Amino acid sequence: MAQSAAPATGSSAIPAVAPISLKQIAPWALFVGILMLVLLYFVGAEQGATSLIAGENVHEWVHDGRHLLGFPCH
């Protein structure tokens, strides 16, 4: 009972994939970059004099992330 896991035919047709151009990636890269900067602001600087949202709600939501990334908050 010698059975092979490979198909008996030696040709496997794998379709060629066209490369992705920089024009297609640029808008998504810009979006992700801006999103990361906004998240970094809310985790790292949304407190005190630079606060855009009054109160402690944002601080409490990102508190553990602040410590994980090394931002002091107390």
Protein backbone atom coordinates (compact mmCIF):
# COMPACT_ATOMS: atom_id res chain seq x y z
CA MET A 1 0.00 0.00 0.00
CA ALA A 2 2.36 2.66 -1.15
CA GLN A 3 0.25 5.76 -1.66
CA SER A 4 1.68 9.18 -2.33
CA ALA A 5 0.27 12.38 -0.87
CA ALA A 6 1.38 14.28 -3.95
CA PRO A 7 -0.87 14.32 -7.02
CA ALA A 8 0.04 11.95 -9.83
CA THR A 9 0.27 14.74 -12.39
CA GLY A 10 3.48 16.75 -12.22
CA SER A 11 2.02 20.05 -13.38
CA SER A 12 0.28 22.33 -10.94
CA ALA A 13 -1.04 25.53 -12.41
CA ILE A 14 -0.53 28.44 -10.03
CA PRO A 15 -1.82 31.70 -11.43
CA ALA A 16 0.64 34.59 -11.55
CA VAL A 17 -0.15 37.47 -9.20
CA ALA A 18 0.38 41.01 -10.44
CA PRO A 19 2.59 43.19 -8.20
CA ILE A 20 0.91 45.90 -6.17
CA SER A 21 1.90 49.39 -7.24
CA LEU A 22 2.90 52.22 -4.93
CA LYS A 23 -0.13 54.23 -6.12
CA GLN A 24 -2.40 51.55 -4.71
CA ILE A 25 -0.59 51.30 -1.38
CA ALA A 26 -0.01 55.03 -0.72
CA PRO A 27 -3.57 55.99 0.41
CA TRP A 28 -3.74 53.05 2.80
CA ALA A 29 -0.26 53.74 4.16
CA LEU A 30 -1.22 57.38 4.78
CA PHE A 31 -4.46 56.34 6.49
CA VAL A 32 -2.69 53.83 8.74
CA GLY A 33 0.04 56.38 9.55
CA ILE A 34 -2.47 59.04 10.59
CA LEU A 35 -4.46 56.49 12.59
CA MET A 36 -1.31 55.42 14.43
CA LEU A 37 -0.44 59.04 15.26
CA VAL A 38 -3.94 59.66 16.63
CA LEU A 39 -3.74 56.51 18.75
CA LEU A 40 -0.29 57.48 19.99
CA TYR A 41 -1.65 60.91 20.99
CA PHE A 42 -4.55 59.43 22.93
CA VAL A 43 -2.36 56.86 24.68
CA GLY A 44 0.60 59.13 25.33
CA ALA A 45 -0.51 62.74 25.59
CA GLU A 46 -4.26 62.92 26.27
CA GLN A 47 -3.86 64.26 29.77
CA GLY A 48 -3.30 67.59 31.43
CA ALA A 49 -2.65 70.77 29.42
CA THR A 50 -2.81 69.08 26.00
CA SER A 51 -6.10 67.33 26.72
CA LEU A 52 -8.73 67.62 23.98
CA ILE A 53 -11.43 65.82 25.95
CA ALA A 54 -12.29 67.02 29.44
CA GLY A 55 -12.34 64.56 32.32
CA GLU A 56 -10.52 61.35 33.11
CA ASN A 57 -12.45 58.96 30.84
CA VAL A 58 -9.84 58.70 28.07
CA HIS A 59 -7.06 58.34 30.63
CA GLU A 60 -8.84 55.45 32.31
CA TRP A 61 -9.48 53.65 29.00
CA VAL A 62 -5.82 53.81 27.90
CA HIS A 63 -4.22 53.57 31.35
CA ASP A 64 -2.70 50.11 30.98
CA GLY A 65 -1.52 50.89 27.44
CA ARG A 66 0.29 53.94 28.76
CA HIS A 67 2.25 51.83 31.24
CA LEU A 68 2.91 49.12 28.64
CA LEU A 69 4.43 51.71 26.26
CA GLY A 70 6.43 53.40 29.03
CA PHE A 71 4.44 56.65 29.37
CA PRO A 72 4.28 57.94 32.93
CA CYS A 73 0.82 58.92 34.11
CA HIS A 74 0.89 59.22 37.91
